[in-house]
Amino acid sequence: QSAAKSAGEAGESLEQGELDQAEQQEEQVQRELDRALDDLKEEEEQYQRLRQEELLFRITEEAAALLEGQKNGLAQVREVDAARAGAAQPSRADRLRLRRIARDEGQLASRSGELAQAIEAEQSFVFAHVLREVEQDLERVARDLDETGDYQTGERVQSLMEDAIETTSWVLEALKREQRERQQ
């Protein structure tokens, strides 16, 4: 508004033939426009920082929920594996439970993929790659726990689940560390 007012005054000075005054007013207009652009850039940078902090917060929460789901799934698989006591085929109740766990693990794999995609959008390719590996591990676990994988609950499946938990824990800790650094 100030620049527009100064520009109007400069125009009036030109119309009245006051070239020196018009030049001064034109310089004033340029300074005011430059200051307004600087203010705008600063506000944009602040907005981007806030947006990144909020996104980091949401991603951290999602990673924490993903980790809890993975730990819960592993605990349930261990329960079923212990109940089987080496039996080749799980009981009907255990098969139903394993199907549900497999479905949950598949959903966790999808969430891991979505999280990786969000992190890729922020140009953090290392974390995204790691979460893609978690996604692949959880998809494999989901197949193995279900009828397709013949309801496997043994050491290999549990090891894959433990690896996914360890990797997700690493990502979560790194995200929390980043949050602390930004707050400081």
N, C-alpha and C. Protein backbone atom coordinates (compact mmCIF):
# COMPACT_ATOMS: atom_id res chain seq x y z
N GLN A 1 0.83 -1.20 0.00
CA GLN A 1 0.00 0.00 0.00
C GLN A 1 0.86 1.24 0.00
N SER A 2 1.92 1.19 0.80
CA SER A 2 2.82 2.33 0.87
C SER A 2 3.51 2.54 -0.46
N ALA A 3 3.92 1.45 -1.09
CA ALA A 3 4.57 1.55 -2.40
C ALA A 3 3.60 2.08 -3.44
N ALA A 4 2.35 1.64 -3.36
CA ALA A 4 1.34 2.13 -4.31
C ALA A 4 1.10 3.61 -4.12
N LYS A 5 1.08 4.05 -2.87
CA LYS A 5 0.88 5.46 -2.57
C LYS A 5 2.05 6.28 -3.11
N SER A 6 3.28 5.80 -2.87
CA SER A 6 4.46 6.50 -3.36
C SER A 6 4.49 6.52 -4.89
N ALA A 7 4.06 5.43 -5.50
CA ALA A 7 4.02 5.38 -6.97
C ALA A 7 3.02 6.38 -7.50
N GLY A 8 1.89 6.51 -6.83
CA GLY A 8 0.89 7.51 -7.25
C GLY A 8 1.45 8.92 -7.12
N GLU A 9 2.16 9.19 -6.04
CA GLU A 9 2.76 10.51 -5.84
C GLU A 9 3.82 10.79 -6.90
N ALA A 10 4.59 9.75 -7.23
CA ALA A 10 5.61 9.91 -8.27
C ALA A 10 4.95 10.23 -9.61
N GLY A 11 3.85 9.57 -9.88
CA GLY A 11 3.11 9.85 -11.12
C GLY A 11 2.61 11.29 -11.16
N GLU A 12 2.09 11.76 -10.04
CA GLU A 12 1.62 13.14 -9.97
C GLU A 12 2.77 14.12 -10.17
N SER A 13 3.92 13.83 -9.58
CA SER A 13 5.09 14.70 -9.73
C SER A 13 5.54 14.74 -11.17
N LEU A 14 5.48 13.59 -11.86
CA LEU A 14 5.85 13.57 -13.28
C LEU A 14 4.88 14.41 -14.10
N GLU A 15 3.62 14.29 -13.80
CA GLU A 15 2.61 15.07 -14.52
C GLU A 15 2.81 16.57 -14.31
N GLN A 16 3.30 16.93 -13.12
CA GLN A 16 3.52 18.35 -12.81
C GLN A 16 4.91 18.81 -13.24
N GLY A 17 5.71 17.90 -13.81
CA GLY A 17 7.02 18.27 -14.32
C GLY A 17 8.11 18.32 -13.27
N GLU A 18 7.89 17.79 -12.12
CA GLU A 18 8.88 17.79 -11.04
C GLU A 18 9.68 16.49 -11.12
N LEU A 19 10.68 16.48 -11.99
CA LEU A 19 11.44 15.26 -12.26
C LEU A 19 12.26 14.80 -11.05
N ASP A 20 12.92 15.73 -10.36
CA ASP A 20 13.73 15.33 -9.20
C ASP A 20 12.87 14.66 -8.13
N GLN A 21 11.76 15.29 -7.83
CA GLN A 21 10.86 14.73 -6.82
C GLN A 21 10.30 13.39 -7.29
N ALA A 22 9.98 13.27 -8.57
CA ALA A 22 9.46 12.02 -9.12
C ALA A 22 10.50 10.90 -9.00
N GLU A 23 11.78 11.21 -9.25
CA GLU A 23 12.85 10.22 -9.13
C GLU A 23 12.99 9.75 -7.68
N GLN A 24 12.95 10.70 -6.75
CA GLN A 24 13.06 10.36 -5.34
C GLN A 24 11.89 9.45 -4.92
N GLN A 25 10.72 9.80 -5.37
CA GLN A 25 9.55 8.99 -5.02
C GLN A 25 9.63 7.61 -5.67
N GLU A 26 10.17 7.57 -6.87
CA GLU A 26 10.34 6.27 -7.55
C GLU A 26 11.34 5.40 -6.79
N GLU A 27 12.43 6.00 -6.30
CA GLU A 27 13.40 5.26 -5.50
C GLU A 27 12.76 4.77 -4.21
N GLN A 28 11.92 5.60 -3.62
CA GLN A 28 11.20 5.22 -2.40
C GLN A 28 10.30 4.00 -2.68
N VAL A 29 9.62 4.05 -3.82
CA VAL A 29 8.76 2.93 -4.22
C VAL A 29 9.59 1.65 -4.33
N GLN A 30 10.76 1.74 -4.96
CA GLN A 30 11.62 0.56 -5.14
C GLN A 30 12.08 0.02 -3.79
N ARG A 31 12.49 0.91 -2.88
CA ARG A 31 12.92 0.46 -1.55
C ARG A 31 11.78 -0.24 -0.81
N GLU A 32 10.59 0.33 -0.89
CA GLU A 32 9.44 -0.26 -0.21
C GLU A 32 9.07 -1.62 -0.81
N LEU A 33 9.17 -1.73 -2.12
CA LEU A 33 8.89 -3.02 -2.77
C LEU A 33 9.94 -4.06 -2.38
N ASP A 34 11.21 -3.65 -2.34
CA ASP A 34 12.28 -4.57 -1.93
C ASP A 34 12.06 -5.05 -0.49
N ARG A 35 11.70 -4.12 0.40
CA ARG A 35 11.45 -4.47 1.80
C ARG A 35 10.25 -5.43 1.90
N ALA A 36 9.21 -5.16 1.12
CA ALA A 36 8.03 -6.04 1.14
C ALA A 36 8.40 -7.44 0.64
N LEU A 37 9.24 -7.52 -0.39
CA LEU A 37 9.68 -8.83 -0.90
C LEU A 37 10.52 -9.56 0.14
N ASP A 38 11.40 -8.84 0.83
CA ASP A 38 12.20 -9.46 1.89
C ASP A 38 11.30 -10.00 3.00
N ASP A 39 10.32 -9.21 3.40
CA ASP A 39 9.38 -9.66 4.43
C ASP A 39 8.62 -10.90 3.98
N LEU A 40 8.21 -10.89 2.74
CA LEU A 40 7.47 -12.02 2.19
C LEU A 40 8.34 -13.29 2.17
N LYS A 41 9.61 -13.14 1.77
CA LYS A 41 10.52 -14.29 1.76
C LYS A 41 10.71 -14.84 3.17
N GLU A 42 10.87 -13.94 4.13
CA GLU A 42 11.06 -14.36 5.51
C GLU A 42 9.84 -15.11 6.04
N GLU A 43 8.66 -14.61 5.73
CA GLU A 43 7.43 -15.29 6.15
C GLU A 43 7.29 -16.65 5.49
N GLU A 44 7.67 -16.74 4.23
CA GLU A 44 7.61 -18.01 3.51
C GLU A 44 8.57 -19.03 4.14
N GLU A 45 9.78 -18.59 4.47
CA GLU A 45 10.74 -19.48 5.11
C GLU A 45 10.23 -19.96 6.47
N GLN A 46 9.63 -19.05 7.23
CA GLN A 46 9.08 -19.42 8.54
C GLN A 46 7.94 -20.41 8.36
N TYR A 47 7.10 -20.19 7.38
CA TYR A 47 5.99 -21.12 7.10
C TYR A 47 6.54 -22.50 6.75
N GLN A 48 7.59 -22.53 5.92
CA GLN A 48 8.16 -23.82 5.52
C GLN A 48 8.76 -24.54 6.73
N ARG A 49 9.43 -23.81 7.63
CA ARG A 49 9.98 -24.43 8.83
C ARG A 49 8.87 -25.02 9.69
N LEU A 50 7.80 -24.26 9.88
CA LEU A 50 6.68 -24.76 10.68
C LEU A 50 6.04 -25.98 10.04
N ARG A 51 5.89 -25.94 8.73
CA ARG A 51 5.31 -27.06 8.00
C ARG A 51 6.18 -28.30 8.15
N GLN A 52 7.50 -28.13 8.05
CA GLN A 52 8.41 -29.26 8.19
C GLN A 52 8.39 -29.81 9.62
N GLU A 53 8.30 -28.92 10.60
CA GLU A 53 8.23 -29.38 11.99
C GLU A 53 6.96 -30.17 12.24
N GLU A 54 5.85 -29.69 11.71
CA GLU A 54 4.59 -30.41 11.89
C GLU A 54 4.63 -31.76 11.18
N LEU A 55 5.18 -31.77 9.98
CA LEU A 55 5.30 -33.01 9.23
C LEU A 55 6.21 -34.00 9.97
N LEU A 56 7.31 -33.50 10.51
CA LEU A 56 8.21 -34.34 11.29
C LEU A 56 7.48 -34.92 12.50
N PHE A 57 6.69 -34.10 13.16
CA PHE A 57 5.92 -34.56 14.31
C PHE A 57 4.95 -35.66 13.91
N ARG A 58 4.21 -35.46 12.81
CA ARG A 58 3.24 -36.46 12.36
C ARG A 58 3.93 -37.76 11.93
N ILE A 59 5.05 -37.63 11.24
CA ILE A 59 5.79 -38.82 10.81
C ILE A 59 6.32 -39.58 12.01
N THR A 60 6.79 -38.85 13.02
CA THR A 60 7.30 -39.50 14.23
C THR A 60 6.18 -40.25 14.95
N GLU A 61 5.02 -39.62 15.05
CA GLU A 61 3.87 -40.31 15.67
C GLU A 61 3.50 -41.56 14.89
N GLU A 62 3.49 -41.47 13.58
CA GLU A 62 3.14 -42.61 12.75
C GLU A 62 4.17 -43.73 12.90
N ALA A 63 5.44 -43.37 12.97
CA ALA A 63 6.50 -44.37 13.16
C ALA A 63 6.35 -45.05 14.52
N ALA A 64 5.98 -44.29 15.54
CA ALA A 64 5.78 -44.87 16.88
C ALA A 64 4.61 -45.85 16.86
N ALA A 65 3.52 -45.49 16.18
CA ALA A 65 2.37 -46.38 16.08
C ALA A 65 2.74 -47.64 15.28
N LEU A 66 3.52 -47.47 14.25
CA LEU A 66 3.98 -48.60 13.44
C LEU A 66 4.81 -49.56 14.30
N LEU A 67 5.69 -49.01 15.09
CA LEU A 67 6.53 -49.82 15.96
C LEU A 67 5.68 -50.60 16.98
N GLU A 68 4.72 -49.94 17.59
CA GLU A 68 3.85 -50.62 18.55
C GLU A 68 3.08 -51.77 17.90
N GLY A 69 2.59 -51.54 16.70
CA GLY A 69 1.88 -52.59 15.97
C GLY A 69 2.78 -53.78 15.67
N GLN A 70 4.02 -53.48 15.31
CA GLN A 70 4.97 -54.56 15.01
C GLN A 70 5.29 -55.38 16.27
N LYS A 71 5.49 -54.69 17.37
CA LYS A 71 5.78 -55.40 18.63
C LYS A 71 4.61 -56.27 19.05
N ASN A 72 3.41 -55.76 18.90
CA ASN A 72 2.21 -56.51 19.23
C ASN A 72 2.09 -57.76 18.35
N GLY A 73 2.34 -57.59 17.07
CA GLY A 73 2.28 -58.73 16.14
C GLY A 73 3.28 -59.81 16.50
N LEU A 74 4.51 -59.40 16.84
CA LEU A 74 5.54 -60.37 17.21
C LEU A 74 5.13 -61.13 18.48
N ALA A 75 4.59 -60.42 19.44
CA ALA A 75 4.16 -61.08 20.69
C ALA A 75 3.09 -62.13 20.40
N GLN A 76 2.16 -61.79 19.52
CA GLN A 76 1.10 -62.74 19.19
C GLN A 76 1.64 -63.95 18.43
N VAL A 77 2.56 -63.70 17.51
CA VAL A 77 3.15 -64.83 16.76
C VAL A 77 3.90 -65.75 17.71
N ARG A 78 4.60 -65.18 18.65
CA ARG A 78 5.32 -66.01 19.61
C ARG A 78 4.36 -66.84 20.45
N GLU A 79 3.22 -66.26 20.82
CA GLU A 79 2.21 -67.01 21.58
C GLU A 79 1.70 -68.20 20.77
N VAL A 80 1.37 -67.94 19.51
CA VAL A 80 0.84 -69.02 18.65
C VAL A 80 1.91 -70.07 18.44
N ASP A 81 3.15 -69.65 18.22
CA ASP A 81 4.24 -70.60 17.99
C ASP A 81 4.46 -71.47 19.22
N ALA A 82 4.39 -70.88 20.39
CA ALA A 82 4.54 -71.66 21.63
C ALA A 82 3.38 -72.63 21.81
N ALA A 83 2.18 -72.20 21.44
CA ALA A 83 1.00 -73.06 21.57
C ALA A 83 1.06 -74.24 20.60
N ARG A 84 1.67 -74.02 19.46
CA ARG A 84 1.78 -75.10 18.47
C ARG A 84 2.72 -76.19 18.96
N ALA A 85 3.71 -75.82 19.71
CA ALA A 85 4.68 -76.76 20.26
C ALA A 85 5.23 -77.71 19.21
N GLY A 86 5.59 -77.15 18.04
CA GLY A 86 6.21 -77.96 16.99
C GLY A 86 5.24 -78.72 16.12
N ALA A 87 3.94 -78.57 16.33
CA ALA A 87 2.96 -79.26 15.49
C ALA A 87 3.06 -78.74 14.06
N ALA A 88 2.92 -79.66 13.11
CA ALA A 88 3.04 -79.28 11.71
C ALA A 88 1.95 -78.31 11.30
N GLN A 89 0.73 -78.56 11.73
CA GLN A 89 -0.40 -77.70 11.38
C GLN A 89 -0.96 -77.05 12.64
N PRO A 90 -1.21 -75.76 12.57
CA PRO A 90 -1.84 -75.10 13.73
C PRO A 90 -3.30 -75.50 13.83
N SER A 91 -3.85 -75.34 15.01
CA SER A 91 -5.27 -75.64 15.20
C SER A 91 -6.10 -74.64 14.40
N ARG A 92 -7.39 -74.95 14.27
CA ARG A 92 -8.28 -74.05 13.53
C ARG A 92 -8.29 -72.67 14.16
N ALA A 93 -8.34 -72.59 15.48
CA ALA A 93 -8.34 -71.30 16.18
C ALA A 93 -7.04 -70.55 15.91
N ASP A 94 -5.93 -71.27 15.91
CA ASP A 94 -4.64 -70.63 15.64
C ASP A 94 -4.55 -70.15 14.18
N ARG A 95 -5.12 -70.93 13.26
CA ARG A 95 -5.12 -70.50 11.85
C ARG A 95 -5.92 -69.21 11.69
N LEU A 96 -7.08 -69.13 12.36
CA LEU A 96 -7.87 -67.90 12.30
C LEU A 96 -7.09 -66.72 12.89
N ARG A 97 -6.44 -66.99 13.99
CA ARG A 97 -5.64 -65.93 14.64
C ARG A 97 -4.48 -65.51 13.73
N LEU A 98 -3.83 -66.47 13.11
CA LEU A 98 -2.71 -66.14 12.22
C LEU A 98 -3.17 -65.37 10.99
N ARG A 99 -4.35 -65.68 10.49
CA ARG A 99 -4.89 -64.90 9.36
C ARG A 99 -5.09 -63.44 9.76
N ARG A 100 -5.61 -63.25 10.99
CA ARG A 100 -5.83 -61.89 11.47
C ARG A 100 -4.49 -61.17 11.66
N ILE A 101 -3.52 -61.85 12.23
CA ILE A 101 -2.19 -61.26 12.42
C ILE A 101 -1.57 -60.94 11.06
N ALA A 102 -1.73 -61.85 10.11
CA ALA A 102 -1.20 -61.62 8.76
C ALA A 102 -1.83 -60.39 8.14
N ARG A 103 -3.13 -60.24 8.32
CA ARG A 103 -3.84 -59.06 7.80
C ARG A 103 -3.30 -57.79 8.46
N ASP A 104 -3.08 -57.86 9.78
CA ASP A 104 -2.53 -56.72 10.50
C ASP A 104 -1.11 -56.38 10.02
N GLU A 105 -0.31 -57.41 9.79
CA GLU A 105 1.05 -57.19 9.31
C GLU A 105 1.02 -56.58 7.90
N GLY A 106 0.07 -57.00 7.09
CA GLY A 106 -0.08 -56.41 5.76
C GLY A 106 -0.44 -54.93 5.85
N GLN A 107 -1.30 -54.60 6.80
CA GLN A 107 -1.65 -53.19 7.00
C GLN A 107 -0.45 -52.39 7.50
N LEU A 108 0.33 -53.00 8.38
CA LEU A 108 1.55 -52.32 8.84
C LEU A 108 2.52 -52.11 7.69
N ALA A 109 2.60 -53.08 6.79
CA ALA A 109 3.46 -52.93 5.61
C ALA A 109 2.99 -51.75 4.77
N SER A 110 1.68 -51.64 4.59
CA SER A 110 1.13 -50.51 3.82
C SER A 110 1.44 -49.18 4.50
N ARG A 111 1.29 -49.15 5.81
CA ARG A 111 1.60 -47.91 6.56
C ARG A 111 3.08 -47.56 6.43
N SER A 112 3.92 -48.57 6.46
CA SER A 112 5.35 -48.33 6.30
C SER A 112 5.64 -47.74 4.91
N GLY A 113 4.96 -48.26 3.90
CA GLY A 113 5.12 -47.73 2.55
C GLY A 113 4.64 -46.29 2.44
N GLU A 114 3.51 -45.99 3.08
CA GLU A 114 3.00 -44.62 3.07
C GLU A 114 3.96 -43.68 3.79
N LEU A 115 4.51 -44.15 4.87
CA LEU A 115 5.48 -43.36 5.62
C LEU A 115 6.73 -43.12 4.78
N ALA A 116 7.18 -44.13 4.09
CA ALA A 116 8.34 -43.99 3.20
C ALA A 116 8.05 -42.96 2.11
N GLN A 117 6.85 -43.00 1.58
CA GLN A 117 6.47 -42.05 0.53
C GLN A 117 6.47 -40.62 1.07
N ALA A 118 5.95 -40.42 2.26
CA ALA A 118 5.94 -39.08 2.86
C ALA A 118 7.36 -38.59 3.11
N ILE A 119 8.23 -39.49 3.53
CA ILE A 119 9.61 -39.11 3.80
C ILE A 119 10.36 -38.84 2.50
N GLU A 120 10.06 -39.61 1.46
CA GLU A 120 10.66 -39.34 0.15
C GLU A 120 10.29 -37.95 -0.35
N ALA A 121 9.07 -37.54 -0.09
CA ALA A 121 8.61 -36.21 -0.51
C ALA A 121 9.41 -35.11 0.16
N GLU A 122 9.99 -35.41 1.31
CA GLU A 122 10.81 -34.43 2.03
C GLU A 122 12.30 -34.60 1.70
N GLN A 123 12.60 -35.40 0.69
CA GLN A 123 13.97 -35.59 0.21
C GLN A 123 14.88 -36.30 1.21
N SER A 124 14.32 -37.15 2.03
CA SER A 124 15.11 -37.92 2.98
C SER A 124 15.13 -39.37 2.49
N PHE A 125 15.97 -39.61 1.52
CA PHE A 125 15.94 -40.88 0.80
C PHE A 125 16.47 -42.07 1.60
N VAL A 126 17.37 -41.83 2.55
CA VAL A 126 17.91 -42.93 3.34
C VAL A 126 16.81 -43.53 4.22
N PHE A 127 16.08 -42.66 4.94
CA PHE A 127 14.98 -43.14 5.77
C PHE A 127 13.91 -43.80 4.92
N ALA A 128 13.63 -43.23 3.78
CA ALA A 128 12.61 -43.80 2.90
C ALA A 128 13.02 -45.20 2.45
N HIS A 129 14.29 -45.35 2.08
CA HIS A 129 14.78 -46.67 1.63
C HIS A 129 14.66 -47.70 2.75
N VAL A 130 15.03 -47.28 3.95
CA VAL A 130 14.97 -48.19 5.10
C VAL A 130 13.52 -48.61 5.36
N LEU A 131 12.60 -47.66 5.27
CA LEU A 131 11.19 -47.99 5.50
C LEU A 131 10.62 -48.86 4.37
N ARG A 132 11.14 -48.72 3.18
CA ARG A 132 10.72 -49.61 2.09
C ARG A 132 11.17 -51.05 2.40
N GLU A 133 12.33 -51.19 2.99
CA GLU A 133 12.79 -52.53 3.38
C GLU A 133 11.88 -53.11 4.47
N VAL A 134 11.48 -52.27 5.42
CA VAL A 134 10.54 -52.71 6.45
C VAL A 134 9.24 -53.15 5.79
N GLU A 135 8.78 -52.37 4.84
CA GLU A 135 7.55 -52.70 4.12
C GLU A 135 7.66 -54.08 3.48
N GLN A 136 8.79 -54.34 2.81
CA GLN A 136 8.99 -55.64 2.16
C GLN A 136 9.04 -56.78 3.17
N ASP A 137 9.73 -56.55 4.28
CA ASP A 137 9.80 -57.58 5.32
C ASP A 137 8.42 -57.91 5.87
N LEU A 138 7.63 -56.87 6.13
CA LEU A 138 6.30 -57.09 6.70
C LEU A 138 5.36 -57.75 5.69
N GLU A 139 5.52 -57.42 4.42
CA GLU A 139 4.72 -58.10 3.39
C GLU A 139 5.06 -59.59 3.36
N ARG A 140 6.34 -59.90 3.48
CA ARG A 140 6.78 -61.30 3.49
C ARG A 140 6.23 -62.02 4.72
N VAL A 141 6.28 -61.34 5.87
CA VAL A 141 5.74 -61.91 7.11
C VAL A 141 4.25 -62.19 6.95
N ALA A 142 3.53 -61.23 6.38
CA ALA A 142 2.08 -61.40 6.19
C ALA A 142 1.79 -62.62 5.31
N ARG A 143 2.57 -62.81 4.24
CA ARG A 143 2.37 -63.99 3.37
C ARG A 143 2.69 -65.28 4.12
N ASP A 144 3.78 -65.26 4.87
CA ASP A 144 4.20 -66.48 5.57
C ASP A 144 3.23 -66.88 6.67
N LEU A 145 2.64 -65.92 7.33
CA LEU A 145 1.72 -66.22 8.43
C LEU A 145 0.37 -66.74 7.94
N ASP A 146 0.03 -66.43 6.72
CA ASP A 146 -1.27 -66.78 6.16
C ASP A 146 -1.22 -68.15 5.48
N GLU A 147 -2.33 -68.53 4.93
CA GLU A 147 -2.44 -69.82 4.24
C GLU A 147 -1.41 -69.94 3.12
N THR A 148 -1.13 -68.84 2.43
CA THR A 148 -0.15 -68.85 1.33
C THR A 148 1.20 -69.36 1.81
N GLY A 149 1.60 -68.97 3.00
CA GLY A 149 2.88 -69.39 3.56
C GLY A 149 2.78 -70.58 4.47
N ASP A 150 1.64 -71.24 4.47
CA ASP A 150 1.40 -72.44 5.28
C ASP A 150 1.51 -72.17 6.78
N TYR A 151 1.05 -70.97 7.17
CA TYR A 151 0.94 -70.59 8.59
C TYR A 151 2.27 -70.75 9.35
N GLN A 152 3.34 -70.22 8.76
CA GLN A 152 4.65 -70.30 9.41
C GLN A 152 4.72 -69.36 10.61
N THR A 153 5.24 -69.85 11.70
CA THR A 153 5.40 -69.02 12.90
C THR A 153 6.79 -69.19 13.51
N GLY A 154 7.64 -69.90 12.82
CA GLY A 154 8.94 -70.26 13.39
C GLY A 154 9.96 -69.14 13.46
N GLU A 155 11.18 -69.58 13.65
CA GLU A 155 12.30 -68.69 13.90
C GLU A 155 12.53 -67.70 12.75
N ARG A 156 12.41 -68.14 11.50
CA ARG A 156 12.66 -67.27 10.36
C ARG A 156 11.66 -66.13 10.32
N VAL A 157 10.39 -66.42 10.51
CA VAL A 157 9.35 -65.39 10.49
C VAL A 157 9.56 -64.42 11.65
N GLN A 158 9.82 -64.97 12.81
CA GLN A 158 10.04 -64.12 13.99
C GLN A 158 11.29 -63.25 13.81
N SER A 159 12.30 -63.80 13.16
CA SER A 159 13.52 -63.03 12.90
C SER A 159 13.23 -61.86 11.95
N LEU A 160 12.44 -62.11 10.93
CA LEU A 160 12.04 -61.02 10.02
C LEU A 160 11.28 -59.93 10.79
N MET A 161 10.40 -60.35 11.67
CA MET A 161 9.62 -59.40 12.46
C MET A 161 10.54 -58.60 13.39
N GLU A 162 11.51 -59.28 14.00
CA GLU A 162 12.46 -58.61 14.88
C GLU A 162 13.30 -57.59 14.10
N ASP A 163 13.71 -57.96 12.88
CA ASP A 163 14.47 -57.03 12.04
C ASP A 163 13.65 -55.79 11.72
N ALA A 164 12.39 -55.99 11.40
CA ALA A 164 11.51 -54.85 11.09
C ALA A 164 11.36 -53.95 12.31
N ILE A 165 11.22 -54.56 13.48
CA ILE A 165 11.10 -53.78 14.72
C ILE A 165 12.38 -52.99 14.98
N GLU A 166 13.51 -53.65 14.83
CA GLU A 166 14.79 -52.97 15.06
C GLU A 166 14.98 -51.80 14.09
N THR A 167 14.66 -52.00 12.85
CA THR A 167 14.81 -50.95 11.85
C THR A 167 13.86 -49.80 12.12
N THR A 168 12.62 -50.12 12.44
CA THR A 168 11.64 -49.07 12.73
C THR A 168 12.06 -48.30 13.99
N SER A 169 12.60 -48.99 14.97
CA SER A 169 13.10 -48.34 16.19
C SER A 169 14.22 -47.36 15.84
N TRP A 170 15.11 -47.77 14.97
CA TRP A 170 16.21 -46.91 14.54
C TRP A 170 15.67 -45.65 13.86
N VAL A 171 14.71 -45.81 12.96
CA VAL A 171 14.11 -44.67 12.27
C VAL A 171 13.42 -43.75 13.28
N LEU A 172 12.68 -44.35 14.20
CA LEU A 172 11.96 -43.55 15.20
C LEU A 172 12.94 -42.74 16.05
N GLU A 173 14.01 -43.36 16.49
CA GLU A 173 15.00 -42.63 17.30
C GLU A 173 15.63 -41.50 16.51
N ALA A 174 15.92 -41.74 15.25
CA ALA A 174 16.50 -40.68 14.40
C ALA A 174 15.51 -39.53 14.23
N LEU A 175 14.24 -39.84 14.06
CA LEU A 175 13.22 -38.80 13.93
C LEU A 175 13.09 -38.00 15.22
N LYS A 176 13.12 -38.68 16.34
CA LYS A 176 13.03 -37.99 17.63
C LYS A 176 14.26 -37.09 17.85
N ARG A 177 15.41 -37.58 17.46
CA ARG A 177 16.64 -36.79 17.59
C ARG A 177 16.53 -35.52 16.72
N GLU A 178 16.00 -35.68 15.53
CA GLU A 178 15.80 -34.52 14.63
C GLU A 178 14.84 -33.52 15.25
N GLN A 179 13.78 -34.00 15.88
CA GLN A 179 12.83 -33.11 16.55
C GLN A 179 13.52 -32.33 17.65
N ARG A 180 14.31 -33.02 18.46
CA ARG A 180 15.02 -32.34 19.57
C ARG A 180 15.97 -31.27 19.03
N GLU A 181 16.69 -31.59 17.97
CA GLU A 181 17.63 -30.63 17.39
C GLU A 181 16.89 -29.41 16.85
N ARG A 182 15.75 -29.62 16.24
CA ARG A 182 14.99 -28.47 15.73
C ARG A 182 14.44 -27.62 16.85
N GLN A 183 14.06 -28.24 17.95
CA GLN A 183 13.54 -27.47 19.09
C GLN A 183 14.65 -26.64 19.72
N GLN A 184 15.85 -27.17 19.73
CA GLN A 184 16.97 -26.42 20.31
C GLN A 184 17.38 -25.30 19.38
